[in-house]
Amino acid sequence: TLCGCSEERALGRNCVPAFASAELAVVGGGEDPAQHIWLELTLDGRTTVNGTTPDSSEALLVAIKAAALQHPNARAFIAADDGVSYGALMVVIDMLKQAGISRMAFAGRPDAVR
């Protein structure tokens, strides 16, 4: 394979392909959280963008694009309730890409730690 996974597994090691690398973001240390785009996906199907909940997927895309225009160098932080589907998350990530946002991070919640 391209990444050498079969060879790594044969040696008893896990493989992390190059395309799986991620930039971990930490807000703080001089960054202004108001300059970022915050998205929250809830189990009941709602998605908020910077605290506003659009009423349709079209309105969600408009809200994401508006946030991207307001903060052109922003990072999008995505938080999701337990049980939110992978598909719902991928729809939001695709909308972020359509809006020209390439810097994304998953936001953890202190209350989610078990």
Protein backbone atom coordinates (compact mmCIF):
# COMPACT_ATOMS: atom_id res chain seq x y z
CA THR A 1 0.00 0.00 0.00
CA LEU A 2 1.03 3.62 -0.40
CA CYS A 3 1.40 4.29 3.28
CA GLY A 4 3.03 0.99 4.20
CA CYS A 5 0.20 -0.01 6.54
CA SER A 6 0.50 -3.72 5.83
CA GLU A 7 4.21 -3.66 6.66
CA GLU A 8 3.59 -1.68 9.86
CA ARG A 9 0.82 -4.04 10.95
CA ALA A 10 3.02 -7.04 10.23
CA LEU A 11 5.51 -5.57 12.69
CA GLY A 12 2.73 -5.09 15.26
CA ARG A 13 2.62 -1.32 14.90
CA ASN A 14 -0.26 0.97 14.02
CA CYS A 15 0.00 3.04 10.87
CA VAL A 16 -1.04 6.67 10.64
CA PRO A 17 -1.15 7.62 6.96
CA ALA A 18 0.12 11.07 6.03
CA PHE A 19 -3.35 12.21 4.98
CA ALA A 20 -4.61 11.52 8.51
CA SER A 21 -2.42 14.14 10.13
CA ALA A 22 -4.22 16.97 11.87
CA GLU A 23 -3.33 20.34 13.30
CA LEU A 24 -4.50 20.50 16.89
CA ALA A 25 -5.80 23.89 17.86
CA VAL A 26 -5.98 25.39 21.29
CA VAL A 27 -7.82 28.64 21.82
CA GLY A 28 -6.00 30.80 24.28
CA GLY A 29 -2.52 32.09 24.40
CA GLY A 30 -3.34 35.30 22.57
CA GLU A 31 -6.06 34.08 20.20
CA ASP A 32 -9.39 35.88 20.34
CA PRO A 33 -12.22 33.28 20.40
CA ALA A 34 -14.56 35.89 18.88
CA GLN A 35 -12.45 35.78 15.71
CA HIS A 36 -13.31 32.14 15.09
CA ILE A 37 -16.39 30.37 13.79
CA TRP A 38 -18.14 28.17 16.33
CA LEU A 39 -20.50 25.40 15.21
CA GLU A 40 -22.49 23.08 17.42
CA LEU A 41 -24.41 20.04 16.19
CA THR A 42 -27.14 18.81 18.50
CA LEU A 43 -28.69 15.38 18.72
CA ASP A 44 -32.07 16.77 17.64
CA GLY A 45 -30.60 17.86 14.27
CA ARG A 46 -29.98 21.55 14.93
CA THR A 47 -26.71 23.23 14.02
CA THR A 48 -25.75 26.59 15.47
CA VAL A 49 -23.25 28.98 13.91
CA ASN A 50 -21.79 31.47 16.38
CA GLY A 51 -24.85 31.06 18.58
CA THR A 52 -27.47 31.39 15.83
CA THR A 53 -29.57 28.42 14.70
CA PRO A 54 -30.54 28.57 11.02
CA ASP A 55 -33.88 26.94 10.18
CA SER A 56 -32.82 25.03 7.05
CA SER A 57 -29.72 23.56 5.44
CA GLU A 58 -29.76 26.38 2.88
CA ALA A 59 -29.86 28.96 5.67
CA LEU A 60 -27.05 27.08 7.45
CA LEU A 61 -24.82 27.38 4.39
CA VAL A 62 -25.65 31.09 4.10
CA ALA A 63 -24.78 31.58 7.80
CA ILE A 64 -21.47 29.73 7.41
CA LYS A 65 -20.58 31.78 4.32
CA ALA A 66 -21.47 35.01 6.12
CA ALA A 67 -19.30 34.03 9.09
CA ALA A 68 -16.44 33.22 6.70
CA LEU A 69 -16.75 36.66 5.09
CA GLN A 70 -16.80 38.33 8.50
CA HIS A 71 -13.74 36.38 9.70
CA PRO A 72 -11.75 35.42 6.57
CA ASN A 73 -8.81 33.85 8.43
CA ALA A 74 -10.91 32.15 11.07
CA ARG A 75 -10.67 28.59 12.23
CA ALA A 76 -13.97 26.72 12.52
CA PHE A 77 -14.46 24.91 15.82
CA ILE A 78 -17.00 22.10 15.64
CA ALA A 79 -18.69 20.56 18.68
CA ALA A 80 -21.25 17.76 18.48
CA ASP A 81 -23.49 16.01 20.97
CA ASP A 82 -22.88 12.32 21.61
CA GLY A 83 -24.82 10.37 19.01
CA VAL A 84 -24.66 12.95 16.20
CA SER A 85 -24.17 10.96 13.01
CA TYR A 86 -20.96 10.93 11.02
CA GLY A 87 -23.04 11.94 7.99
CA ALA A 88 -24.34 15.07 9.72
CA LEU A 89 -20.80 16.02 10.65
CA MET A 90 -19.60 15.49 7.06
CA VAL A 91 -22.40 17.73 5.73
CA VAL A 92 -21.21 20.56 7.99
CA ILE A 93 -17.57 20.02 7.04
CA ASP A 94 -18.54 20.11 3.36
CA MET A 95 -20.39 23.40 3.93
CA LEU A 96 -17.30 24.83 5.63
CA LYS A 97 -15.24 23.85 2.59
CA GLN A 98 -17.82 25.46 0.26
CA ALA A 99 -17.45 28.65 2.29
CA GLY A 100 -13.68 28.56 1.79
CA ILE A 101 -12.85 27.56 5.35
CA SER A 102 -9.97 25.13 5.46
CA ARG A 103 -8.89 25.53 9.08
CA MET A 104 -11.11 23.33 11.26
CA ALA A 105 -10.85 21.79 14.69
CA PHE A 106 -13.09 19.69 16.89
CA ALA A 107 -14.04 21.39 20.11
CA GLY A 108 -14.26 19.26 23.22
CA ARG A 109 -16.56 19.98 26.11
CA PRO A 110 -15.44 19.71 29.72
CA ASP A 111 -18.77 18.09 30.65
CA ALA A 112 -18.18 15.35 28.06
CA VAL A 113 -15.21 13.90 29.94
CA ARG A 114 -16.21 10.71 31.65
